[in-house]
Amino acid sequence: MADRLLAYVLAGAKRATCWSVADGQQTHVGKQMVVLNGSGKPRAIVQTLELEQRRFCDVDLQFAIDEGEGDETLEDWRRGHRGYFERNGGFDPEMMLWCERFRLIDVIGD
């Protein structure tokens, strides 16, 4: 999954991500982070542009599109992310998420 998501970032399609508030605040506006590939090698640097808390049920189509994972409708996004959260600690449509928008700063390596 890491390599697939990284490919979206490198292609410029993925400009956002989200995670459960229960997993903690992992970034802040202005922070630059190294993105690793599936083998743990550095491949890109991204910078957080926006970070807010939002309930799962309040995520809108624009954010889903900005996540750039091929979801063409909000229903696709909700179905895919619901499955992810169910596999990784639990799901509730009212659960709070950290919603981050970022930009690609640099590509590392080839």
PDB file of N, CA and C in Angstrom:
ATOM      1  N   MET A   1       0.823  -1.183   0.000  1.00  0.00           N
ATOM      2  CA  MET A   1       0.000   0.000   0.000  1.00  0.00           C
ATOM      3  C   MET A   1       0.880   1.264   0.000  1.00  0.00           C
ATOM      4  N   ALA A   2       1.994   1.239   0.728  1.00  0.00           N
ATOM      5  CA  ALA A   2       2.867   2.418   0.800  1.00  0.00           C
ATOM      6  C   ALA A   2       3.359   2.823  -0.580  1.00  0.00           C
ATOM      7  N   ASP A   3       3.756   1.857  -1.395  1.00  0.00           N
ATOM      8  CA  ASP A   3       4.251   2.172  -2.740  1.00  0.00           C
ATOM      9  C   ASP A   3       3.142   2.735  -3.626  1.00  0.00           C
ATOM     10  N   ARG A   4       1.952   2.206  -3.499  1.00  0.00           N
ATOM     11  CA  ARG A   4       0.825   2.696  -4.295  1.00  0.00           C
ATOM     12  C   ARG A   4       0.494   4.139  -3.918  1.00  0.00           C
ATOM     13  N   LEU A   5       0.423   4.432  -2.622  1.00  0.00           N
ATOM     14  CA  LEU A   5       0.126   5.795  -2.184  1.00  0.00           C
ATOM     15  C   LEU A   5       1.254   6.751  -2.546  1.00  0.00           C
ATOM     16  N   LEU A   6       2.491   6.295  -2.430  1.00  0.00           N
ATOM     17  CA  LEU A   6       3.630   7.119  -2.810  1.00  0.00           C
ATOM     18  C   LEU A   6       3.557   7.480  -4.293  1.00  0.00           C
ATOM     19  N   ALA A   7       3.173   6.535  -5.131  1.00  0.00           N
ATOM     20  CA  ALA A   7       3.056   6.811  -6.567  1.00  0.00           C
ATOM     21  C   ALA A   7       2.051   7.927  -6.825  1.00  0.00           C
ATOM     22  N   TYR A   8       0.947   7.944  -6.088  1.00  0.00           N
ATOM     23  CA  TYR A   8      -0.040   9.025  -6.227  1.00  0.00           C
ATOM     24  C   TYR A   8       0.558  10.366  -5.808  1.00  0.00           C
ATOM     25  N   VAL A   9       1.347  10.370  -4.729  1.00  0.00           N
ATOM     26  CA  VAL A   9       1.995  11.604  -4.267  1.00  0.00           C
ATOM     27  C   VAL A   9       2.968  12.099  -5.332  1.00  0.00           C
ATOM     28  N   LEU A  10       3.814  11.209  -5.845  1.00  0.00           N
ATOM     29  CA  LEU A  10       4.821  11.595  -6.836  1.00  0.00           C
ATOM     30  C   LEU A  10       4.186  12.083  -8.134  1.00  0.00           C
ATOM     31  N   ALA A  11       3.026  11.547  -8.473  1.00  0.00           N
ATOM     32  CA  ALA A  11       2.318  11.959  -9.692  1.00  0.00           C
ATOM     33  C   ALA A  11       1.553  13.272  -9.499  1.00  0.00           C
ATOM     34  N   GLY A  12       1.474  13.739  -8.265  1.00  0.00           N
ATOM     35  CA  GLY A  12       0.754  14.974  -7.974  1.00  0.00           C
ATOM     36  C   GLY A  12      -0.732  14.791  -7.765  1.00  0.00           C
ATOM     37  N   ALA A  13      -1.205  13.549  -7.803  1.00  0.00           N
ATOM     38  CA  ALA A  13      -2.637  13.276  -7.634  1.00  0.00           C
ATOM     39  C   ALA A  13      -3.055  13.291  -6.163  1.00  0.00           C
ATOM     40  N   LYS A  14      -2.155  12.871  -5.290  1.00  0.00           N
ATOM     41  CA  LYS A  14      -2.472  12.801  -3.856  1.00  0.00           C
ATOM     42  C   LYS A  14      -1.884  14.020  -3.168  1.00  0.00           C
ATOM     43  N   ARG A  15      -2.786  14.865  -2.649  1.00  0.00           N
ATOM     44  CA  ARG A  15      -2.385  16.093  -1.977  1.00  0.00           C
ATOM     45  C   ARG A  15      -3.004  16.201  -0.589  1.00  0.00           C
ATOM     46  N   ALA A  16      -3.573  15.093  -0.110  1.00  0.00           N
ATOM     47  CA  ALA A  16      -4.233  15.092   1.199  1.00  0.00           C
ATOM     48  C   ALA A  16      -4.212  13.680   1.770  1.00  0.00           C
ATOM     49  N   THR A  17      -4.411  13.619   3.073  1.00  0.00           N
ATOM     50  CA  THR A  17      -4.517  12.333   3.754  1.00  0.00           C
ATOM     51  C   THR A  17      -5.295  12.546   5.049  1.00  0.00           C
ATOM     52  N   CYS A  18      -5.695  11.459   5.669  1.00  0.00           N
ATOM     53  CA  CYS A  18      -6.391  11.563   6.949  1.00  0.00           C
ATOM     54  C   CYS A  18      -6.073  10.352   7.802  1.00  0.00           C
ATOM     55  N   TRP A  19      -6.299  10.525   9.099  1.00  0.00           N
ATOM     56  CA  TRP A  19      -6.114   9.433  10.052  1.00  0.00           C
ATOM     57  C   TRP A  19      -6.984   9.715  11.270  1.00  0.00           C
ATOM     58  N   SER A  20      -7.196   8.698  12.072  1.00  0.00           N
ATOM     59  CA  SER A  20      -8.031   8.822  13.259  1.00  0.00           C
ATOM     60  C   SER A  20      -7.382   9.753  14.289  1.00  0.00           C
ATOM     61  N   VAL A  21      -8.188  10.606  14.902  1.00  0.00           N
ATOM     62  CA  VAL A  21      -7.698  11.465  15.981  1.00  0.00           C
ATOM     63  C   VAL A  21      -7.112  10.609  17.096  1.00  0.00           C
ATOM     64  N   ALA A  22      -7.627   9.400  17.274  1.00  0.00           N
ATOM     65  CA  ALA A  22      -7.112   8.497  18.309  1.00  0.00           C
ATOM     66  C   ALA A  22      -5.637   8.166  18.097  1.00  0.00           C
ATOM     67  N   ASP A  23      -5.140   8.318  16.861  1.00  0.00           N
ATOM     68  CA  ASP A  23      -3.730   8.042  16.561  1.00  0.00           C
ATOM     69  C   ASP A  23      -2.829   9.242  16.841  1.00  0.00           C
ATOM     70  N   GLY A  24      -3.410  10.341  17.281  1.00  0.00           N
ATOM     71  CA  GLY A  24      -2.630  11.512  17.663  1.00  0.00           C
ATOM     72  C   GLY A  24      -2.359  12.466  16.511  1.00  0.00           C
ATOM     73  N   GLN A  25      -1.967  13.672  16.876  1.00  0.00           N
ATOM     74  CA  GLN A  25      -1.617  14.687  15.885  1.00  0.00           C
ATOM     75  C   GLN A  25      -0.207  14.404  15.393  1.00  0.00           C
ATOM     76  N   GLN A  26      -0.066  14.076  14.126  1.00  0.00           N
ATOM     77  CA  GLN A  26       1.212  13.638  13.585  1.00  0.00           C
ATOM     78  C   GLN A  26       1.980  14.725  12.855  1.00  0.00           C
ATOM     79  N   THR A  27       1.385  15.898  12.693  1.00  0.00           N
ATOM     80  CA  THR A  27       2.037  16.980  11.977  1.00  0.00           C
ATOM     81  C   THR A  27       1.442  18.303  12.417  1.00  0.00           C
ATOM     82  N   HIS A  28       1.944  19.377  11.868  1.00  0.00           N
ATOM     83  CA  HIS A  28       1.389  20.711  12.067  1.00  0.00           C
ATOM     84  C   HIS A  28       1.663  21.528  10.799  1.00  0.00           C
ATOM     85  N   VAL A  29       0.931  22.596  10.612  1.00  0.00           N
ATOM     86  CA  VAL A  29       1.091  23.425   9.418  1.00  0.00           C
ATOM     87  C   VAL A  29       2.534  23.915   9.331  1.00  0.00           C
ATOM     88  N   GLY A  30       3.117  23.732   8.164  1.00  0.00           N
ATOM     89  CA  GLY A  30       4.496  24.139   7.917  1.00  0.00           C
ATOM     90  C   GLY A  30       5.514  23.033   8.076  1.00  0.00           C
ATOM     91  N   LYS A  31       5.155  21.954   8.746  1.00  0.00           N
ATOM     92  CA  LYS A  31       6.092  20.858   8.985  1.00  0.00           C
ATOM     93  C   LYS A  31       6.431  20.152   7.674  1.00  0.00           C
ATOM     94  N   GLN A  32       7.710  19.849   7.492  1.00  0.00           N
ATOM     95  CA  GLN A  32       8.155  19.061   6.349  1.00  0.00           C
ATOM     96  C   GLN A  32       8.483  17.653   6.840  1.00  0.00           C
ATOM     97  N   MET A  33       8.099  16.665   6.036  1.00  0.00           N
ATOM     98  CA  MET A  33       8.303  15.272   6.418  1.00  0.00           C
ATOM     99  C   MET A  33       8.834  14.474   5.245  1.00  0.00           C
ATOM    100  N   VAL A  34       9.607  13.460   5.550  1.00  0.00           N
ATOM    101  CA  VAL A  34      10.114  12.538   4.546  1.00  0.00           C
ATOM    102  C   VAL A  34       9.101  11.421   4.369  1.00  0.00           C
ATOM    103  N   VAL A  35       8.778  11.106   3.118  1.00  0.00           N
ATOM    104  CA  VAL A  35       7.866  10.017   2.795  1.00  0.00           C
ATOM    105  C   VAL A  35       8.710   8.817   2.372  1.00  0.00           C
ATOM    106  N   LEU A  36       8.429   7.666   2.985  1.00  0.00           N
ATOM    107  CA  LEU A  36       9.175   6.442   2.693  1.00  0.00           C
ATOM    108  C   LEU A  36       8.407   5.565   1.725  1.00  0.00           C
ATOM    109  N   ASN A  37       9.140   4.765   0.956  1.00  0.00           N
ATOM    110  CA  ASN A  37       8.473   3.764   0.113  1.00  0.00           C
ATOM    111  C   ASN A  37       8.207   2.514   0.948  1.00  0.00           C
ATOM    112  N   GLY A  38       7.679   1.489   0.312  1.00  0.00           N
ATOM    113  CA  GLY A  38       7.329   0.258   1.015  1.00  0.00           C
ATOM    114  C   GLY A  38       8.520  -0.471   1.616  1.00  0.00           C
ATOM    115  N   SER A  39       9.725  -0.166   1.132  1.00  0.00           N
ATOM    116  CA  SER A  39      10.950  -0.770   1.668  1.00  0.00           C
ATOM    117  C   SER A  39      11.594   0.082   2.743  1.00  0.00           C
ATOM    118  N   GLY A  40      10.954   1.205   3.081  1.00  0.00           N
ATOM    119  CA  GLY A  40      11.470   2.073   4.118  1.00  0.00           C
ATOM    120  C   GLY A  40      12.516   3.066   3.645  1.00  0.00           C
ATOM    121  N   LYS A  41      12.651   3.234   2.323  1.00  0.00           N
ATOM    122  CA  LYS A  41      13.638   4.169   1.785  1.00  0.00           C
ATOM    123  C   LYS A  41      12.983   5.534   1.533  1.00  0.00           C
ATOM    124  N   PRO A  42      13.687   6.608   1.861  1.00  0.00           N
ATOM    125  CA  PRO A  42      13.158   7.959   1.608  1.00  0.00           C
ATOM    126  C   PRO A  42      12.946   8.190   0.119  1.00  0.00           C
ATOM    127  N   ARG A  43      11.763   8.731  -0.239  1.00  0.00           N
ATOM    128  CA  ARG A  43      11.453   8.952  -1.658  1.00  0.00           C
ATOM    129  C   ARG A  43      10.929  10.347  -1.945  1.00  0.00           C
ATOM    130  N   ALA A  44      10.446  11.061  -0.923  1.00  0.00           N
ATOM    131  CA  ALA A  44       9.896  12.389  -1.175  1.00  0.00           C
ATOM    132  C   ALA A  44       9.885  13.201   0.112  1.00  0.00           C
ATOM    133  N   ILE A  45       9.766  14.512  -0.074  1.00  0.00           N
ATOM    134  CA  ILE A  45       9.566  15.420   1.048  1.00  0.00           C
ATOM    135  C   ILE A  45       8.270  16.169   0.787  1.00  0.00           C
ATOM    136  N   VAL A  46       7.388  16.176   1.796  1.00  0.00           N
ATOM    137  CA  VAL A  46       6.118  16.901   1.705  1.00  0.00           C
ATOM    138  C   VAL A  46       6.048  17.912   2.839  1.00  0.00           C
ATOM    139  N   GLN A  47       5.198  18.918   2.637  1.00  0.00           N
ATOM    140  CA  GLN A  47       4.998  19.941   3.662  1.00  0.00           C
ATOM    141  C   GLN A  47       3.510  20.086   3.937  1.00  0.00           C
ATOM    142  N   THR A  48       3.142  20.087   5.208  1.00  0.00           N
ATOM    143  CA  THR A  48       1.750  20.257   5.611  1.00  0.00           C
ATOM    144  C   THR A  48       1.309  21.687   5.341  1.00  0.00           C
ATOM    145  N   LEU A  49       0.213  21.822   4.593  1.00  0.00           N
ATOM    146  CA  LEU A  49      -0.360  23.131   4.277  1.00  0.00           C
ATOM    147  C   LEU A  49      -1.559  23.460   5.142  1.00  0.00           C
ATOM    148  N   GLU A  50      -2.318  22.426   5.496  1.00  0.00           N
ATOM    149  CA  GLU A  50      -3.563  22.611   6.235  1.00  0.00           C
ATOM    150  C   GLU A  50      -3.794  21.378   7.092  1.00  0.00           C
ATOM    151  N   LEU A  51      -4.300  21.583   8.304  1.00  0.00           N
ATOM    152  CA  LEU A  51      -4.597  20.467   9.193  1.00  0.00           C
ATOM    153  C   LEU A  51      -5.807  20.840  10.029  1.00  0.00           C
ATOM    154  N   GLU A  52      -6.819  19.985   9.967  1.00  0.00           N
ATOM    155  CA  GLU A  52      -8.012  20.247  10.764  1.00  0.00           C
ATOM    156  C   GLU A  52      -8.645  18.939  11.192  1.00  0.00           C
ATOM    157  N   GLN A  53      -9.434  19.015  12.247  1.00  0.00           N
ATOM    158  CA  GLN A  53     -10.207  17.857  12.684  1.00  0.00           C
ATOM    159  C   GLN A  53     -11.581  17.936  12.045  1.00  0.00           C
ATOM    160  N   ARG A  54     -12.049  16.768  11.601  1.00  0.00           N
ATOM    161  CA  ARG A  54     -13.355  16.685  10.950  1.00  0.00           C
ATOM    162  C   ARG A  54     -13.930  15.301  11.229  1.00  0.00           C
ATOM    163  N   ARG A  55     -15.229  15.227  11.433  1.00  0.00           N
ATOM    164  CA  ARG A  55     -15.862  13.912  11.595  1.00  0.00           C
ATOM    165  C   ARG A  55     -15.842  13.178  10.257  1.00  0.00           C
ATOM    166  N   PHE A  56     -15.729  11.863  10.313  1.00  0.00           N
ATOM    167  CA  PHE A  56     -15.729  11.044   9.101  1.00  0.00           C
ATOM    168  C   PHE A  56     -16.930  11.398   8.222  1.00  0.00           C
ATOM    169  N   CYS A  57     -18.101  11.493   8.837  1.00  0.00           N
ATOM    170  CA  CYS A  57     -19.331  11.752   8.080  1.00  0.00           C
ATOM    171  C   CYS A  57     -19.369  13.150   7.477  1.00  0.00           C
ATOM    172  N   ASP A  58     -18.461  14.041   7.882  1.00  0.00           N
ATOM    173  CA  ASP A  58     -18.433  15.403   7.357  1.00  0.00           C
ATOM    174  C   ASP A  58     -17.370  15.624   6.279  1.00  0.00           C
ATOM    175  N   VAL A  59     -16.597  14.589   5.955  1.00  0.00           N
ATOM    176  CA  VAL A  59     -15.616  14.726   4.876  1.00  0.00           C
ATOM    177  C   VAL A  59     -16.370  14.966   3.579  1.00  0.00           C
ATOM    178  N   ASP A  60     -15.909  15.955   2.814  1.00  0.00           N
ATOM    179  CA  ASP A  60     -16.605  16.314   1.580  1.00  0.00           C
ATOM    180  C   ASP A  60     -15.894  15.756   0.347  1.00  0.00           C
ATOM    181  N   LEU A  61     -16.564  15.891  -0.788  1.00  0.00           N
ATOM    182  CA  LEU A  61     -16.037  15.347  -2.042  1.00  0.00           C
ATOM    183  C   LEU A  61     -14.693  15.966  -2.396  1.00  0.00           C
ATOM    184  N   GLN A  62     -14.514  17.267  -2.178  1.00  0.00           N
ATOM    185  CA  GLN A  62     -13.241  17.896  -2.544  1.00  0.00           C
ATOM    186  C   GLN A  62     -12.076  17.292  -1.777  1.00  0.00           C
ATOM    187  N   PHE A  63     -12.274  17.014  -0.484  1.00  0.00           N
ATOM    188  CA  PHE A  63     -11.196  16.387   0.283  1.00  0.00           C
ATOM    189  C   PHE A  63     -10.936  14.977  -0.249  1.00  0.00           C
ATOM    190  N   ALA A  64     -11.993  14.234  -0.539  1.00  0.00           N
ATOM    191  CA  ALA A  64     -11.832  12.879  -1.083  1.00  0.00           C
ATOM    192  C   ALA A  64     -11.045  12.921  -2.390  1.00  0.00           C
ATOM    193  N   ILE A  65     -11.337  13.888  -3.244  1.00  0.00           N
ATOM    194  CA  ILE A  65     -10.614  14.031  -4.510  1.00  0.00           C
ATOM    195  C   ILE A  65      -9.156  14.385  -4.238  1.00  0.00           C
ATOM    196  N   ASP A  66      -8.920  15.292  -3.290  1.00  0.00           N
ATOM    197  CA  ASP A  66      -7.554  15.694  -2.965  1.00  0.00           C
ATOM    198  C   ASP A  66      -6.732  14.545  -2.399  1.00  0.00           C
ATOM    199  N   GLU A  67      -7.399  13.558  -1.804  1.00  0.00           N
ATOM    200  CA  GLU A  67      -6.656  12.385  -1.330  1.00  0.00           C
ATOM    201  C   GLU A  67      -6.088  11.600  -2.501  1.00  0.00           C
ATOM    202  N   GLY A  68      -6.683  11.735  -3.677  1.00  0.00           N
ATOM    203  CA  GLY A  68      -6.092  11.231  -4.908  1.00  0.00           C
ATOM    204  C   GLY A  68      -5.867   9.743  -4.989  1.00  0.00           C
ATOM    205  N   GLU A  69      -6.714   8.970  -4.370  1.00  0.00           N
ATOM    206  CA  GLU A  69      -6.521   7.522  -4.361  1.00  0.00           C
ATOM    207  C   GLU A  69      -7.435   6.812  -5.356  1.00  0.00           C
ATOM    208  N   GLY A  70      -7.943   7.553  -6.320  1.00  0.00           N
ATOM    209  CA  GLY A  70      -8.760   6.947  -7.354  1.00  0.00           C
ATOM    210  C   GLY A  70     -10.243   6.916  -7.060  1.00  0.00           C
ATOM    211  N   ASP A  71     -10.639   7.430  -5.890  1.00  0.00           N
ATOM    212  CA  ASP A  71     -12.056   7.475  -5.553  1.00  0.00           C
ATOM    213  C   ASP A  71     -12.717   8.576  -6.382  1.00  0.00           C
ATOM    214  N   GLU A  72     -13.702   8.203  -7.162  1.00  0.00           N
ATOM    215  CA  GLU A  72     -14.338   9.179  -8.050  1.00  0.00           C
ATOM    216  C   GLU A  72     -15.614   9.758  -7.469  1.00  0.00           C
ATOM    217  N   THR A  73     -16.082   9.170  -6.372  1.00  0.00           N
ATOM    218  CA  THR A  73     -17.267   9.687  -5.702  1.00  0.00           C
ATOM    219  C   THR A  73     -17.015   9.677  -4.202  1.00  0.00           C
ATOM    220  N   LEU A  74     -17.791  10.442  -3.489  1.00  0.00           N
ATOM    221  CA  LEU A  74     -17.682  10.456  -2.035  1.00  0.00           C
ATOM    222  C   LEU A  74     -18.038   9.088  -1.460  1.00  0.00           C
ATOM    223  N   GLU A  75     -18.963   8.402  -2.101  1.00  0.00           N
ATOM    224  CA  GLU A  75     -19.344   7.060  -1.637  1.00  0.00           C
ATOM    225  C   GLU A  75     -18.165   6.093  -1.747  1.00  0.00           C
ATOM    226  N   ASP A  76     -17.389   6.186  -2.857  1.00  0.00           N
ATOM    227  CA  ASP A  76     -16.186   5.350  -3.006  1.00  0.00           C
ATOM    228  C   ASP A  76     -15.203   5.636  -1.871  1.00  0.00           C
ATOM    229  N   TRP A  77     -14.976   6.922  -1.608  1.00  0.00           N
ATOM    230  CA  TRP A  77     -14.043   7.311  -0.556  1.00  0.00           C
ATOM    231  C   TRP A  77     -14.502   6.752   0.786  1.00  0.00           C
ATOM    232  N   ARG A  78     -15.781   6.938   1.092  1.00  0.00           N
ATOM    233  CA  ARG A  78     -16.305   6.466   2.386  1.00  0.00           C
ATOM    234  C   ARG A  78     -16.203   4.950   2.508  1.00  0.00           C
ATOM    235  N   ARG A  79     -16.510   4.225   1.458  1.00  0.00           N
ATOM    236  CA  ARG A  79     -16.439   2.762   1.486  1.00  0.00           C
ATOM    237  C   ARG A  79     -14.989   2.307   1.724  1.00  0.00           C
ATOM    238  N   GLY A  80     -14.055   2.868   0.971  1.00  0.00           N
ATOM    239  CA  GLY A  80     -12.655   2.479   1.112  1.00  0.00           C
ATOM    240  C   GLY A  80     -12.071   2.835   2.467  1.00  0.00           C
ATOM    241  N   HIS A  81     -12.382   4.035   2.949  1.00  0.00           N
ATOM    242  CA  HIS A  81     -11.834   4.459   4.235  1.00  0.00           C
ATOM    243  C   HIS A  81     -12.527   3.764   5.408  1.00  0.00           C
ATOM    244  N   ARG A  82     -13.791   3.475   5.253  1.00  0.00           N
ATOM    245  CA  ARG A  82     -14.469   2.709   6.306  1.00  0.00           C
ATOM    246  C   ARG A  82     -13.784   1.358   6.469  1.00  0.00           C
ATOM    247  N   GLY A  83     -13.510   0.677   5.353  1.00  0.00           N
ATOM    248  CA  GLY A  83     -12.808  -0.608   5.412  1.00  0.00           C
ATOM    249  C   GLY A  83     -11.444  -0.481   6.058  1.00  0.00           C
ATOM    250  N   TYR A  84     -10.720   0.575   5.710  1.00  0.00           N
ATOM    251  CA  TYR A  84      -9.401   0.803   6.305  1.00  0.00           C
ATOM    252  C   TYR A  84      -9.517   0.967   7.812  1.00  0.00           C
ATOM    253  N   PHE A  85     -10.438   1.831   8.258  1.00  0.00           N
ATOM    254  CA  PHE A  85     -10.559   2.075   9.698  1.00  0.00           C
ATOM    255  C   PHE A  85     -11.080   0.834  10.428  1.00  0.00           C
ATOM    256  N   GLU A  86     -11.954   0.065   9.825  1.00  0.00           N
ATOM    257  CA  GLU A  86     -12.428  -1.181  10.457  1.00  0.00           C
ATOM    258  C   GLU A  86     -11.273  -2.151  10.659  1.00  0.00           C
ATOM    259  N   ARG A  87     -10.350  -2.210   9.721  1.00  0.00           N
ATOM    260  CA  ARG A  87      -9.189  -3.112   9.839  1.00  0.00           C
ATOM    261  C   ARG A  87      -8.145  -2.595  10.823  1.00  0.00           C
ATOM    262  N   ASN A  88      -8.182  -1.298  11.114  1.00  0.00           N
ATOM    263  CA  ASN A  88      -7.103  -0.682  11.879  1.00  0.00           C
ATOM    264  C   ASN A  88      -7.591   0.044  13.124  1.00  0.00           C
ATOM    265  N   GLY A  89      -8.388  -0.610  13.925  1.00  0.00           N
ATOM    266  CA  GLY A  89      -8.726  -0.039  15.216  1.00  0.00           C
ATOM    267  C   GLY A  89     -10.174   0.329  15.438  1.00  0.00           C
ATOM    268  N   GLY A  90     -10.985   0.268  14.423  1.00  0.00           N
ATOM    269  CA  GLY A  90     -12.402   0.527  14.620  1.00  0.00           C
ATOM    270  C   GLY A  90     -12.927   1.680  13.793  1.00  0.00           C
ATOM    271  N   PHE A  91     -14.214   1.625  13.543  1.00  0.00           N
ATOM    272  CA  PHE A  91     -14.873   2.629  12.709  1.00  0.00           C
ATOM    273  C   PHE A  91     -16.164   3.084  13.364  1.00  0.00           C
ATOM    274  N   ASP A  92     -16.434   4.364  13.248  1.00  0.00           N
ATOM    275  CA  ASP A  92     -17.708   4.954  13.635  1.00  0.00           C
ATOM    276  C   ASP A  92     -17.926   6.118  12.674  1.00  0.00           C
ATOM    277  N   PRO A  93     -19.101   6.253  12.084  1.00  0.00           N
ATOM    278  CA  PRO A  93     -19.306   7.365  11.144  1.00  0.00           C
ATOM    279  C   PRO A  93     -19.122   8.740  11.800  1.00  0.00           C
ATOM    280  N   GLU A  94     -19.187   8.789  13.119  1.00  0.00           N
ATOM    281  CA  GLU A  94     -18.992  10.045  13.842  1.00  0.00           C
ATOM    282  C   GLU A  94     -17.549  10.225  14.317  1.00  0.00           C
ATOM    283  N   MET A  95     -16.684   9.264  13.999  1.00  0.00           N
ATOM    284  CA  MET A  95     -15.306   9.340  14.489  1.00  0.00           C
ATOM    285  C   MET A  95     -14.615  10.589  13.957  1.00  0.00           C
ATOM    286  N   MET A  96     -13.736  11.140  14.786  1.00  0.00           N
ATOM    287  CA  MET A  96     -12.987  12.329  14.412  1.00  0.00           C
ATOM    288  C   MET A  96     -11.714  11.932  13.675  1.00  0.00           C
ATOM    289  N   LEU A  97     -11.432  12.690  12.631  1.00  0.00           N
ATOM    290  CA  LEU A  97     -10.234  12.475  11.825  1.00  0.00           C
ATOM    291  C   LEU A  97      -9.371  13.724  11.835  1.00  0.00           C
ATOM    292  N   TRP A  98      -8.076  13.522  11.693  1.00  0.00           N
ATOM    293  CA  TRP A  98      -7.190  14.604  11.302  1.00  0.00           C
ATOM    294  C   TRP A  98      -7.197  14.596   9.786  1.00  0.00           C
ATOM    295  N   CYS A  99      -7.507  15.713   9.164  1.00  0.00           N
ATOM    296  CA  CYS A  99      -7.523  15.858   7.707  1.00  0.00           C
ATOM    297  C   CYS A  99      -6.411  16.823   7.329  1.00  0.00           C
ATOM    298  N   GLU A 100      -5.444  16.318   6.586  1.00  0.00           N
ATOM    299  CA  GLU A 100      -4.258  17.092   6.224  1.00  0.00           C
ATOM    300  C   GLU A 100      -4.197  17.297   4.720  1.00  0.00           C
ATOM    301  N   ARG A 101      -3.890  18.515   4.320  1.00  0.00           N
ATOM    302  CA  ARG A 101      -3.526  18.806   2.931  1.00  0.00           C
ATOM    303  C   ARG A 101      -2.038  19.142   2.936  1.00  0.00           C
ATOM    304  N   PHE A 102      -1.328  18.664   1.923  1.00  0.00           N
ATOM    305  CA  PHE A 102       0.120  18.862   1.863  1.00  0.00           C
ATOM    306  C   PHE A 102       0.544  19.133   0.428  1.00  0.00           C
ATOM    307  N   ARG A 103       1.793  19.545   0.279  1.00  0.00           N
ATOM    308  CA  ARG A 103       2.352  19.712  -1.064  1.00  0.00           C
ATOM    309  C   ARG A 103       3.660  18.958  -1.152  1.00  0.00           C
ATOM    310  N   LEU A 104       3.951  18.503  -2.340  1.00  0.00           N
ATOM    311  CA  LEU A 104       5.203  17.810  -2.618  1.00  0.00           C
ATOM    312  C   LEU A 104       6.299  18.861  -2.764  1.00  0.00           C
ATOM    313  N   ILE A 105       7.318  18.752  -1.951  1.00  0.00           N
ATOM    314  CA  ILE A 105       8.444  19.693  -1.978  1.00  0.00           C
ATOM    315  C   ILE A 105       9.563  19.178  -2.892  1.00  0.00           C
ATOM    316  N   ASP A 106       9.878  17.894  -2.760  1.00  0.00           N
ATOM    317  CA  ASP A 106      11.005  17.342  -3.517  1.00  0.00           C
ATOM    318  C   ASP A 106      10.848  15.833  -3.644  1.00  0.00           C
ATOM    319  N   VAL A 107      11.442  15.303  -4.698  1.00  0.00           N
ATOM    320  CA  VAL A 107      11.507  13.847  -4.913  1.00  0.00           C
ATOM    321  C   VAL A 107      12.942  13.426  -4.603  1.00  0.00           C
ATOM    322  N   ILE A 108      13.065  12.353  -3.852  1.00  0.00           N
ATOM    323  CA  ILE A 108      14.378  11.829  -3.472  1.00  0.00           C
ATOM    324  C   ILE A 108      14.662  10.588  -4.292  1.00  0.00           C
ATOM    325  N   GLY A 109      15.790  10.522  -4.923  1.00  0.00           N
ATOM    326  CA  GLY A 109      16.154   9.361  -5.727  1.00  0.00           C
ATOM    327  C   GLY A 109      15.463   9.373  -7.059  1.00  0.00           C
ATOM    328  N   ASP A 110      15.404   8.174  -7.683  1.00  0.00           N
ATOM    329  CA  ASP A 110      14.827   8.108  -9.044  1.00  0.00           C
ATOM    330  C   ASP A 110      13.383   7.776  -9.057  1.00  0.00           C
TER     331      ASP A 110
END
